[in-house]
Amino acid sequence: MNASGARTRSGIAVLGGAVLAVLLTGCEPFAGQACPAIGWINAVEIRLDGSADDVERVAWVELCDDLGCSTPAAPPAPPDDSPPPPPSLATPALPPSTLPSAAPAAPASPHDPEAPYYRAEPDGAGRWRVQVGMSTPDTVTIRAFAADSTVLAEATADLAWERVGGSAACGGPMVTEPLGLAIRG
């Protein structure tokens, strides 16, 4: 092997090392940006405003954005105005062999993956918490419903989210000011 061939190979090796160093240096700003593999849940607090009787009429609260609406944490029970029958008038127990077969339960409807999965739940007297997953909707409509599905109040609000954890590059939990909803009987 002659001296010029050795110099060419060593030059290629030096050039390759330099290219590799530039590439690795170019990636260095991202090396400090490793994001933990975690998730978080953002939530919106809704405070009901009104008399104790008016606020007590609220059976559930709903939050909607341009993607969809929340569901109650526990589906509201349908109103049943009739009291249970007294034990003396209740249907007598039948022997197991004569019991009618129970109809199979209807399958739960699957969640639409294109719609948000927001969940609303009571969070103390006159307060509701709506979990909006990792989303941060800009504008929402909130509604309060009576047990018979009557809309008791409705309002639209713009939300200003503030990061309380994580980073801008990786995301993280955010909060917004509580929303007020006036309930008037």
N, C-alpha and C. Protein backbone atom coordinates (compact mmCIF):
# COMPACT_ATOMS: atom_id res chain seq x y z
N MET A 1 0.84 -1.16 0.00
CA MET A 1 0.00 0.00 0.00
C MET A 1 0.89 1.23 0.00
N ASN A 2 0.59 2.20 -0.81
CA ASN A 2 1.42 3.38 -0.89
C ASN A 2 0.96 4.45 0.11
N ALA A 3 1.76 5.47 0.27
CA ALA A 3 1.51 6.50 1.26
C ALA A 3 0.28 7.32 0.92
N SER A 4 0.00 7.55 -0.37
CA SER A 4 -1.17 8.37 -0.72
C SER A 4 -2.47 7.62 -0.42
N GLY A 5 -2.48 6.29 -0.58
CA GLY A 5 -3.68 5.50 -0.26
C GLY A 5 -3.95 5.49 1.23
N ALA A 6 -2.90 5.42 2.03
CA ALA A 6 -3.06 5.45 3.49
C ALA A 6 -3.57 6.80 3.93
N ARG A 7 -3.04 7.87 3.30
CA ARG A 7 -3.51 9.21 3.65
C ARG A 7 -4.96 9.41 3.26
N THR A 8 -5.38 8.84 2.14
CA THR A 8 -6.77 8.96 1.70
C THR A 8 -7.70 8.28 2.69
N ARG A 9 -7.29 7.06 3.09
CA ARG A 9 -8.14 6.34 4.05
C ARG A 9 -8.17 7.05 5.40
N SER A 10 -7.05 7.56 5.84
CA SER A 10 -7.06 8.25 7.14
C SER A 10 -7.84 9.56 7.01
N GLY A 11 -7.76 10.20 5.86
CA GLY A 11 -8.55 11.42 5.65
C GLY A 11 -10.04 11.13 5.67
N ILE A 12 -10.44 10.00 5.06
CA ILE A 12 -11.85 9.60 5.08
C ILE A 12 -12.30 9.30 6.51
N ALA A 13 -11.43 8.64 7.26
CA ALA A 13 -11.76 8.33 8.65
C ALA A 13 -11.92 9.60 9.47
N VAL A 14 -11.00 10.57 9.25
CA VAL A 14 -11.10 11.85 9.97
C VAL A 14 -12.36 12.58 9.55
N LEU A 15 -12.64 12.61 8.25
CA LEU A 15 -13.84 13.27 7.75
C LEU A 15 -15.09 12.59 8.29
N GLY A 16 -15.11 11.26 8.31
CA GLY A 16 -16.26 10.53 8.86
C GLY A 16 -16.45 10.83 10.32
N GLY A 17 -15.35 10.90 11.07
CA GLY A 17 -15.44 11.25 12.50
C GLY A 17 -15.97 12.65 12.69
N ALA A 18 -15.53 13.57 11.85
CA ALA A 18 -16.00 14.95 11.95
C ALA A 18 -17.49 15.04 11.65
N VAL A 19 -17.94 14.34 10.62
CA VAL A 19 -19.37 14.33 10.27
C VAL A 19 -20.18 13.74 11.43
N LEU A 20 -19.69 12.65 12.00
CA LEU A 20 -20.36 12.03 13.13
C LEU A 20 -20.42 12.98 14.32
N ALA A 21 -19.34 13.71 14.58
CA ALA A 21 -19.31 14.67 15.69
C ALA A 21 -20.33 15.79 15.45
N VAL A 22 -20.41 16.29 14.22
CA VAL A 22 -21.38 17.34 13.89
C VAL A 22 -22.80 16.82 14.08
N LEU A 23 -23.06 15.62 13.61
CA LEU A 23 -24.40 15.06 13.77
C LEU A 23 -24.77 14.90 15.23
N LEU A 24 -23.83 14.37 16.01
CA LEU A 24 -24.12 14.18 17.44
C LEU A 24 -24.26 15.51 18.15
N THR A 25 -23.44 16.50 17.78
CA THR A 25 -23.56 17.82 18.38
C THR A 25 -24.89 18.45 17.98
N GLY A 26 -25.30 18.22 16.75
CA GLY A 26 -26.59 18.75 16.29
C GLY A 26 -27.75 18.16 17.06
N CYS A 27 -27.58 16.94 17.58
CA CYS A 27 -28.64 16.30 18.35
C CYS A 27 -28.60 16.67 19.82
N GLU A 28 -27.47 17.29 20.25
CA GLU A 28 -27.33 17.56 21.67
C GLU A 28 -28.46 18.41 22.25
N PRO A 29 -28.96 19.43 21.54
CA PRO A 29 -30.05 20.19 22.14
C PRO A 29 -31.25 19.32 22.48
N PHE A 30 -31.43 18.21 21.77
CA PHE A 30 -32.56 17.33 22.04
C PHE A 30 -32.27 16.34 23.15
N ALA A 31 -30.97 16.13 23.44
CA ALA A 31 -30.61 15.15 24.46
C ALA A 31 -31.18 15.55 25.82
N GLY A 32 -31.25 16.83 26.13
CA GLY A 32 -31.81 17.29 27.39
C GLY A 32 -33.32 17.33 27.38
N GLN A 33 -33.96 17.00 26.27
CA GLN A 33 -35.40 17.09 26.12
C GLN A 33 -36.09 15.74 26.22
N ALA A 34 -35.43 14.75 26.79
CA ALA A 34 -36.06 13.44 26.89
C ALA A 34 -37.33 13.58 27.74
N CYS A 35 -38.44 13.15 27.19
CA CYS A 35 -39.73 13.28 27.88
C CYS A 35 -40.06 11.98 28.59
N PRO A 36 -40.51 12.08 29.82
CA PRO A 36 -40.92 10.86 30.51
C PRO A 36 -42.17 10.28 29.86
N ALA A 37 -42.27 8.99 29.89
CA ALA A 37 -43.42 8.31 29.28
C ALA A 37 -44.57 8.27 30.29
N ILE A 38 -45.17 9.44 30.51
CA ILE A 38 -46.29 9.52 31.45
C ILE A 38 -47.41 10.31 30.80
N GLY A 39 -48.55 10.27 31.43
CA GLY A 39 -49.68 11.06 31.00
C GLY A 39 -50.18 11.87 32.18
N TRP A 40 -51.14 12.69 31.94
CA TRP A 40 -51.72 13.51 33.00
C TRP A 40 -53.16 13.77 32.64
N ILE A 41 -53.89 14.29 33.59
CA ILE A 41 -55.30 14.62 33.35
C ILE A 41 -55.53 16.06 33.74
N ASN A 42 -55.92 16.86 32.76
CA ASN A 42 -56.31 18.24 33.02
C ASN A 42 -57.79 18.23 33.40
N ALA A 43 -58.19 19.20 34.18
CA ALA A 43 -59.59 19.25 34.62
C ALA A 43 -60.07 20.69 34.67
N VAL A 44 -61.36 20.84 34.52
CA VAL A 44 -62.02 22.14 34.63
C VAL A 44 -62.97 22.06 35.82
N GLU A 45 -62.85 23.02 36.71
CA GLU A 45 -63.77 23.08 37.86
C GLU A 45 -64.94 24.00 37.50
N ILE A 46 -66.14 23.52 37.80
CA ILE A 46 -67.34 24.31 37.55
C ILE A 46 -68.00 24.55 38.90
N ARG A 47 -68.25 25.82 39.21
CA ARG A 47 -68.88 26.19 40.47
C ARG A 47 -70.30 26.67 40.16
N LEU A 48 -71.26 26.00 40.79
CA LEU A 48 -72.66 26.36 40.60
C LEU A 48 -73.01 27.50 41.54
N ASP A 49 -73.66 28.51 41.00
CA ASP A 49 -74.03 29.68 41.78
C ASP A 49 -75.55 29.79 41.79
N GLY A 50 -76.13 29.89 42.97
CA GLY A 50 -77.57 30.02 43.11
C GLY A 50 -77.97 29.64 44.52
N SER A 51 -79.26 29.66 44.78
CA SER A 51 -79.74 29.27 46.10
C SER A 51 -79.45 27.79 46.33
N ALA A 52 -79.45 27.40 47.59
CA ALA A 52 -79.19 25.99 47.92
C ALA A 52 -80.21 25.09 47.23
N ASP A 53 -81.48 25.51 47.17
CA ASP A 53 -82.51 24.70 46.50
C ASP A 53 -82.25 24.58 45.01
N ASP A 54 -81.86 25.69 44.37
CA ASP A 54 -81.58 25.67 42.93
C ASP A 54 -80.38 24.77 42.62
N VAL A 55 -79.31 24.91 43.40
CA VAL A 55 -78.11 24.11 43.16
C VAL A 55 -78.40 22.63 43.42
N GLU A 56 -79.24 22.35 44.40
CA GLU A 56 -79.58 20.95 44.71
C GLU A 56 -80.35 20.27 43.59
N ARG A 57 -81.03 21.04 42.75
CA ARG A 57 -81.79 20.48 41.62
C ARG A 57 -80.88 19.94 40.51
N VAL A 58 -79.60 20.32 40.52
CA VAL A 58 -78.67 19.90 39.46
C VAL A 58 -78.33 18.43 39.65
N ALA A 59 -78.68 17.62 38.66
CA ALA A 59 -78.41 16.18 38.70
C ALA A 59 -77.05 15.87 38.06
N TRP A 60 -76.67 16.62 37.04
CA TRP A 60 -75.36 16.45 36.42
C TRP A 60 -75.01 17.69 35.62
N VAL A 61 -73.71 17.81 35.33
CA VAL A 61 -73.17 18.93 34.57
C VAL A 61 -72.47 18.37 33.35
N GLU A 62 -72.52 19.12 32.26
CA GLU A 62 -71.91 18.70 31.00
C GLU A 62 -71.00 19.80 30.50
N LEU A 63 -69.85 19.44 29.95
CA LEU A 63 -68.93 20.37 29.32
C LEU A 63 -68.75 19.92 27.88
N CYS A 64 -68.91 20.84 26.95
CA CYS A 64 -68.76 20.52 25.52
C CYS A 64 -67.73 21.45 24.89
N ASP A 65 -66.96 20.92 23.95
CA ASP A 65 -66.08 21.75 23.13
C ASP A 65 -66.35 21.38 21.67
N ASP A 66 -65.50 21.82 20.76
CA ASP A 66 -65.76 21.54 19.34
C ASP A 66 -65.58 20.07 18.98
N LEU A 67 -65.06 19.24 19.89
CA LEU A 67 -64.89 17.82 19.61
C LEU A 67 -66.01 16.95 20.17
N GLY A 68 -66.71 17.42 21.17
CA GLY A 68 -67.77 16.62 21.78
C GLY A 68 -68.07 17.08 23.20
N CYS A 69 -68.82 16.24 23.93
CA CYS A 69 -69.28 16.59 25.27
C CYS A 69 -68.86 15.54 26.29
N SER A 70 -68.83 15.98 27.54
CA SER A 70 -68.50 15.07 28.64
C SER A 70 -69.67 14.15 28.93
N THR A 71 -69.36 13.08 29.64
CA THR A 71 -70.38 12.18 30.14
C THR A 71 -70.32 12.22 31.66
N PRO A 72 -71.44 11.97 32.33
CA PRO A 72 -71.38 11.94 33.79
C PRO A 72 -70.55 10.74 34.25
N ALA A 73 -69.86 10.89 35.39
CA ALA A 73 -69.05 9.79 35.92
C ALA A 73 -69.95 8.58 36.18
N ALA A 74 -71.12 8.81 36.71
CA ALA A 74 -72.12 7.75 36.88
C ALA A 74 -73.35 8.23 36.13
N PRO A 75 -73.86 7.46 35.18
CA PRO A 75 -75.02 7.92 34.42
C PRO A 75 -76.17 8.26 35.36
N PRO A 76 -76.83 9.39 35.11
CA PRO A 76 -77.94 9.77 35.98
C PRO A 76 -79.06 8.73 35.90
N ALA A 77 -79.64 8.44 37.04
CA ALA A 77 -80.76 7.48 37.08
C ALA A 77 -82.00 8.16 36.54
N PRO A 78 -82.82 7.44 35.78
CA PRO A 78 -84.04 8.06 35.28
C PRO A 78 -84.95 8.38 36.46
N PRO A 79 -85.71 9.47 36.36
CA PRO A 79 -86.59 9.81 37.47
C PRO A 79 -87.66 8.74 37.63
N ASP A 80 -87.94 8.40 38.85
CA ASP A 80 -88.97 7.42 39.17
C ASP A 80 -89.84 8.02 40.26
N ASP A 81 -90.99 8.50 39.85
CA ASP A 81 -91.88 9.18 40.80
C ASP A 81 -92.68 8.23 41.67
N SER A 82 -92.71 6.96 41.28
CA SER A 82 -93.53 6.03 42.06
C SER A 82 -92.70 5.39 43.17
N PRO A 83 -93.24 5.37 44.39
CA PRO A 83 -92.52 4.72 45.49
C PRO A 83 -92.56 3.21 45.30
N PRO A 84 -91.62 2.48 45.92
CA PRO A 84 -91.64 1.02 45.78
C PRO A 84 -92.90 0.46 46.44
N PRO A 85 -93.41 -0.66 45.94
CA PRO A 85 -94.63 -1.22 46.52
C PRO A 85 -94.34 -1.74 47.93
N PRO A 86 -95.36 -1.70 48.80
CA PRO A 86 -95.15 -2.26 50.14
C PRO A 86 -94.89 -3.76 50.02
N PRO A 87 -94.16 -4.34 50.99
CA PRO A 87 -93.82 -5.76 50.90
C PRO A 87 -95.02 -6.67 50.72
N SER A 88 -96.17 -6.31 51.26
CA SER A 88 -97.35 -7.18 51.14
C SER A 88 -97.86 -7.25 49.71
N LEU A 89 -97.57 -6.23 48.88
CA LEU A 89 -98.05 -6.22 47.50
C LEU A 89 -96.97 -6.59 46.49
N ALA A 90 -95.77 -6.85 46.98
CA ALA A 90 -94.68 -7.20 46.07
C ALA A 90 -94.97 -8.54 45.43
N THR A 91 -94.41 -8.77 44.26
CA THR A 91 -94.60 -10.03 43.54
C THR A 91 -94.03 -11.17 44.37
N PRO A 92 -94.79 -12.23 44.54
CA PRO A 92 -94.27 -13.36 45.31
C PRO A 92 -93.11 -14.02 44.60
N ALA A 93 -92.21 -14.55 45.40
CA ALA A 93 -91.05 -15.24 44.84
C ALA A 93 -91.49 -16.51 44.15
N LEU A 94 -90.96 -16.79 42.97
CA LEU A 94 -91.28 -17.99 42.22
C LEU A 94 -90.18 -19.02 42.43
N PRO A 95 -90.52 -20.29 42.38
CA PRO A 95 -89.47 -21.31 42.45
C PRO A 95 -88.50 -21.13 41.29
N PRO A 96 -87.22 -21.46 41.48
CA PRO A 96 -86.20 -21.24 40.44
C PRO A 96 -86.58 -21.81 39.08
N SER A 97 -87.26 -22.94 39.02
CA SER A 97 -87.58 -23.54 37.73
C SER A 97 -88.62 -22.74 36.95
N THR A 98 -89.39 -21.88 37.64
CA THR A 98 -90.43 -21.13 36.93
C THR A 98 -90.05 -19.68 36.69
N LEU A 99 -88.84 -19.29 37.10
CA LEU A 99 -88.43 -17.91 36.87
C LEU A 99 -88.21 -17.68 35.39
N PRO A 100 -88.70 -16.57 34.87
CA PRO A 100 -88.45 -16.28 33.45
C PRO A 100 -86.96 -16.03 33.25
N SER A 101 -86.47 -16.43 32.10
CA SER A 101 -85.05 -16.21 31.83
C SER A 101 -84.82 -14.71 31.64
N ALA A 102 -83.74 -14.24 32.19
CA ALA A 102 -83.42 -12.82 32.09
C ALA A 102 -82.92 -12.52 30.68
N ALA A 103 -83.36 -11.40 30.16
CA ALA A 103 -82.90 -10.98 28.84
C ALA A 103 -81.43 -10.59 28.96
N PRO A 104 -80.63 -10.90 27.96
CA PRO A 104 -79.22 -10.53 28.04
C PRO A 104 -79.09 -9.01 28.09
N ALA A 105 -78.14 -8.56 28.87
CA ALA A 105 -77.91 -7.12 28.99
C ALA A 105 -77.40 -6.57 27.67
N ALA A 106 -77.85 -5.39 27.33
CA ALA A 106 -77.38 -4.76 26.10
C ALA A 106 -75.92 -4.40 26.27
N PRO A 107 -75.11 -4.62 25.26
CA PRO A 107 -73.69 -4.28 25.40
C PRO A 107 -73.53 -2.77 25.53
N ALA A 108 -72.54 -2.37 26.29
CA ALA A 108 -72.26 -0.93 26.44
C ALA A 108 -71.82 -0.40 25.10
N SER A 109 -72.27 0.81 24.80
CA SER A 109 -71.87 1.37 23.52
C SER A 109 -70.39 1.73 23.58
N PRO A 110 -69.65 1.39 22.55
CA PRO A 110 -68.21 1.68 22.58
C PRO A 110 -67.98 3.18 22.48
N HIS A 111 -66.90 3.62 23.08
CA HIS A 111 -66.54 5.03 23.00
C HIS A 111 -66.03 5.34 21.59
N ASP A 112 -66.51 6.40 21.03
CA ASP A 112 -66.07 6.83 19.71
C ASP A 112 -64.64 7.37 19.84
N PRO A 113 -63.64 6.71 19.24
CA PRO A 113 -62.25 7.16 19.41
C PRO A 113 -61.99 8.54 18.84
N GLU A 114 -62.85 9.03 17.99
CA GLU A 114 -62.68 10.36 17.43
C GLU A 114 -63.20 11.44 18.37
N ALA A 115 -64.03 11.07 19.35
CA ALA A 115 -64.62 12.04 20.27
C ALA A 115 -63.80 12.07 21.56
N PRO A 116 -63.80 13.20 22.25
CA PRO A 116 -63.05 13.25 23.50
C PRO A 116 -63.71 12.38 24.56
N TYR A 117 -62.93 11.91 25.48
CA TYR A 117 -63.49 11.13 26.58
C TYR A 117 -63.38 12.00 27.83
N TYR A 118 -64.32 12.91 27.99
CA TYR A 118 -64.37 13.80 29.13
C TYR A 118 -65.33 13.21 30.14
N ARG A 119 -65.00 13.34 31.42
CA ARG A 119 -65.85 12.79 32.46
C ARG A 119 -66.15 13.87 33.48
N ALA A 120 -67.44 14.04 33.82
CA ALA A 120 -67.89 15.04 34.80
C ALA A 120 -68.31 14.33 36.07
N GLU A 121 -67.88 14.86 37.22
CA GLU A 121 -68.27 14.27 38.49
C GLU A 121 -68.41 15.36 39.54
N PRO A 122 -69.32 15.16 40.50
CA PRO A 122 -69.46 16.14 41.58
C PRO A 122 -68.18 16.19 42.41
N ASP A 123 -67.86 17.38 42.89
CA ASP A 123 -66.62 17.58 43.65
C ASP A 123 -66.90 18.47 44.86
N GLY A 124 -67.93 18.11 45.60
CA GLY A 124 -68.31 18.91 46.76
C GLY A 124 -69.61 19.64 46.50
N ALA A 125 -70.10 20.32 47.51
CA ALA A 125 -71.37 21.04 47.39
C ALA A 125 -71.26 22.16 46.35
N GLY A 126 -72.07 22.06 45.31
CA GLY A 126 -72.11 23.10 44.29
C GLY A 126 -70.89 23.15 43.39
N ARG A 127 -70.08 22.11 43.39
CA ARG A 127 -68.89 22.09 42.53
C ARG A 127 -68.86 20.81 41.73
N TRP A 128 -68.41 20.93 40.48
CA TRP A 128 -68.23 19.78 39.59
C TRP A 128 -66.84 19.86 39.01
N ARG A 129 -66.27 18.72 38.73
CA ARG A 129 -64.94 18.62 38.11
C ARG A 129 -65.12 17.83 36.81
N VAL A 130 -64.65 18.42 35.72
CA VAL A 130 -64.73 17.75 34.42
C VAL A 130 -63.31 17.44 33.98
N GLN A 131 -63.01 16.16 33.89
CA GLN A 131 -61.69 15.73 33.42
C GLN A 131 -61.69 15.78 31.90
N VAL A 132 -60.70 16.47 31.34
CA VAL A 132 -60.63 16.63 29.89
C VAL A 132 -59.40 15.93 29.31
N GLY A 133 -58.89 14.94 30.04
CA GLY A 133 -57.73 14.20 29.56
C GLY A 133 -56.53 15.12 29.44
N MET A 134 -55.77 14.96 28.40
CA MET A 134 -54.58 15.79 28.19
C MET A 134 -54.89 16.97 27.27
N SER A 135 -56.18 17.21 26.98
CA SER A 135 -56.53 18.29 26.08
C SER A 135 -56.68 19.61 26.85
N THR A 136 -56.66 20.69 26.10
CA THR A 136 -56.82 22.04 26.65
C THR A 136 -57.74 22.83 25.72
N PRO A 137 -59.05 22.57 25.78
CA PRO A 137 -59.95 23.27 24.88
C PRO A 137 -59.91 24.79 25.13
N ASP A 138 -60.03 25.55 24.06
CA ASP A 138 -60.01 27.01 24.16
C ASP A 138 -61.35 27.58 24.61
N THR A 139 -62.43 27.07 24.04
CA THR A 139 -63.77 27.55 24.35
C THR A 139 -64.65 26.35 24.66
N VAL A 140 -65.46 26.47 25.72
CA VAL A 140 -66.35 25.38 26.11
C VAL A 140 -67.74 25.94 26.38
N THR A 141 -68.71 25.05 26.27
CA THR A 141 -70.08 25.35 26.69
C THR A 141 -70.37 24.41 27.85
N ILE A 142 -70.88 24.97 28.94
CA ILE A 142 -71.22 24.16 30.10
C ILE A 142 -72.73 24.25 30.34
N ARG A 143 -73.30 23.12 30.75
CA ARG A 143 -74.74 23.04 31.01
C ARG A 143 -74.96 22.29 32.32
N ALA A 144 -76.00 22.70 33.04
CA ALA A 144 -76.43 21.99 34.24
C ALA A 144 -77.81 21.42 33.93
N PHE A 145 -78.02 20.14 34.29
CA PHE A 145 -79.27 19.45 34.00
C PHE A 145 -79.98 19.04 35.27
N ALA A 146 -81.30 19.05 35.22
CA ALA A 146 -82.13 18.48 36.28
C ALA A 146 -82.25 16.98 36.02
N ALA A 147 -82.77 16.26 36.99
CA ALA A 147 -82.91 14.80 36.86
C ALA A 147 -83.77 14.41 35.67
N ASP A 148 -84.71 15.26 35.25
CA ASP A 148 -85.57 14.94 34.11
C ASP A 148 -84.98 15.42 32.78
N SER A 149 -83.68 15.77 32.78
CA SER A 149 -82.93 16.22 31.60
C SER A 149 -83.23 17.64 31.17
N THR A 150 -83.96 18.39 31.98
CA THR A 150 -84.21 19.79 31.68
C THR A 150 -82.92 20.57 31.89
N VAL A 151 -82.59 21.45 30.94
CA VAL A 151 -81.40 22.30 31.08
C VAL A 151 -81.75 23.42 32.06
N LEU A 152 -81.02 23.47 33.18
CA LEU A 152 -81.25 24.48 34.20
C LEU A 152 -80.44 25.74 33.94
N ALA A 153 -79.28 25.58 33.32
CA ALA A 153 -78.41 26.73 33.03
C ALA A 153 -77.44 26.34 31.92
N GLU A 154 -76.99 27.34 31.18
CA GLU A 154 -76.03 27.12 30.10
C GLU A 154 -75.18 28.37 29.94
N ALA A 155 -73.89 28.18 29.69
CA ALA A 155 -72.99 29.31 29.46
C ALA A 155 -71.84 28.86 28.57
N THR A 156 -71.26 29.80 27.85
CA THR A 156 -70.07 29.56 27.04
C THR A 156 -68.93 30.36 27.65
N ALA A 157 -67.74 29.75 27.70
CA ALA A 157 -66.60 30.42 28.33
C ALA A 157 -65.33 30.13 27.55
N ASP A 158 -64.43 31.12 27.54
CA ASP A 158 -63.09 30.94 26.99
C ASP A 158 -62.18 30.54 28.14
N LEU A 159 -61.31 29.57 27.89
CA LEU A 159 -60.42 29.07 28.93
C LEU A 159 -58.99 29.55 28.67
N ALA A 160 -58.31 29.96 29.72
CA ALA A 160 -56.90 30.36 29.65
C ALA A 160 -56.12 29.35 30.50
N TRP A 161 -55.42 28.44 29.83
CA TRP A 161 -54.71 27.37 30.52
C TRP A 161 -53.32 27.83 30.94
N GLU A 162 -52.88 27.36 32.11
CA GLU A 162 -51.54 27.66 32.61
C GLU A 162 -50.86 26.34 33.00
N ARG A 163 -49.64 26.16 32.54
CA ARG A 163 -48.89 24.93 32.83
C ARG A 163 -48.48 24.93 34.30
N VAL A 164 -48.70 23.79 34.97
CA VAL A 164 -48.31 23.63 36.38
C VAL A 164 -47.32 22.48 36.55
N GLY A 165 -46.87 21.89 35.48
CA GLY A 165 -45.90 20.80 35.54
C GLY A 165 -45.43 20.47 34.15
N GLY A 166 -44.39 19.67 34.06
CA GLY A 166 -43.86 19.28 32.76
C GLY A 166 -43.13 20.44 32.10
N SER A 167 -43.15 20.47 30.78
CA SER A 167 -42.46 21.52 30.02
C SER A 167 -43.22 21.79 28.73
N ALA A 168 -42.88 22.90 28.10
CA ALA A 168 -43.52 23.23 26.82
C ALA A 168 -43.19 22.19 25.77
N ALA A 169 -41.97 21.64 25.80
CA ALA A 169 -41.56 20.66 24.80
C ALA A 169 -42.24 19.31 25.00
N CYS A 170 -42.43 18.92 26.25
CA CYS A 170 -42.97 17.58 26.53
C CYS A 170 -44.43 17.59 26.97
N GLY A 171 -44.97 18.75 27.25
CA GLY A 171 -46.33 18.81 27.78
C GLY A 171 -46.32 18.57 29.27
N GLY A 172 -47.49 18.62 29.85
CA GLY A 172 -47.62 18.40 31.29
C GLY A 172 -48.94 18.96 31.77
N PRO A 173 -49.26 18.73 33.02
CA PRO A 173 -50.55 19.16 33.54
C PRO A 173 -50.73 20.68 33.47
N MET A 174 -51.98 21.06 33.20
CA MET A 174 -52.34 22.48 33.10
C MET A 174 -53.62 22.72 33.88
N VAL A 175 -53.81 23.96 34.31
CA VAL A 175 -55.02 24.35 35.02
C VAL A 175 -55.59 25.60 34.39
N THR A 176 -56.85 25.82 34.65
CA THR A 176 -57.54 27.03 34.21
C THR A 176 -58.38 27.52 35.39
N GLU A 177 -58.74 28.76 35.35
CA GLU A 177 -59.58 29.31 36.42
C GLU A 177 -60.91 28.57 36.45
N PRO A 178 -61.50 28.39 37.64
CA PRO A 178 -62.81 27.75 37.73
C PRO A 178 -63.87 28.55 36.95
N LEU A 179 -64.85 27.83 36.42
CA LEU A 179 -65.94 28.46 35.69
C LEU A 179 -67.15 28.56 36.60
N GLY A 180 -67.87 29.66 36.52
CA GLY A 180 -69.09 29.81 37.30
C GLY A 180 -70.29 29.57 36.40
N LEU A 181 -71.32 28.96 36.95
CA LEU A 181 -72.56 28.71 36.22
C LEU A 181 -73.72 29.07 37.13
N ALA A 182 -74.47 30.10 36.73
CA ALA A 182 -75.58 30.59 37.55
C ALA A 182 -76.81 29.72 37.36
N ILE A 183 -77.29 29.15 38.47
CA ILE A 183 -78.49 28.31 38.47
C ILE A 183 -79.61 29.14 39.08
N ARG A 184 -80.63 29.39 38.31
CA ARG A 184 -81.77 30.19 38.80
C ARG A 184 -83.05 29.38 38.58
N GLY A 185 -83.80 29.24 39.63
CA GLY A 185 -85.02 28.44 39.57
C GLY A 185 -86.11 29.13 38.88
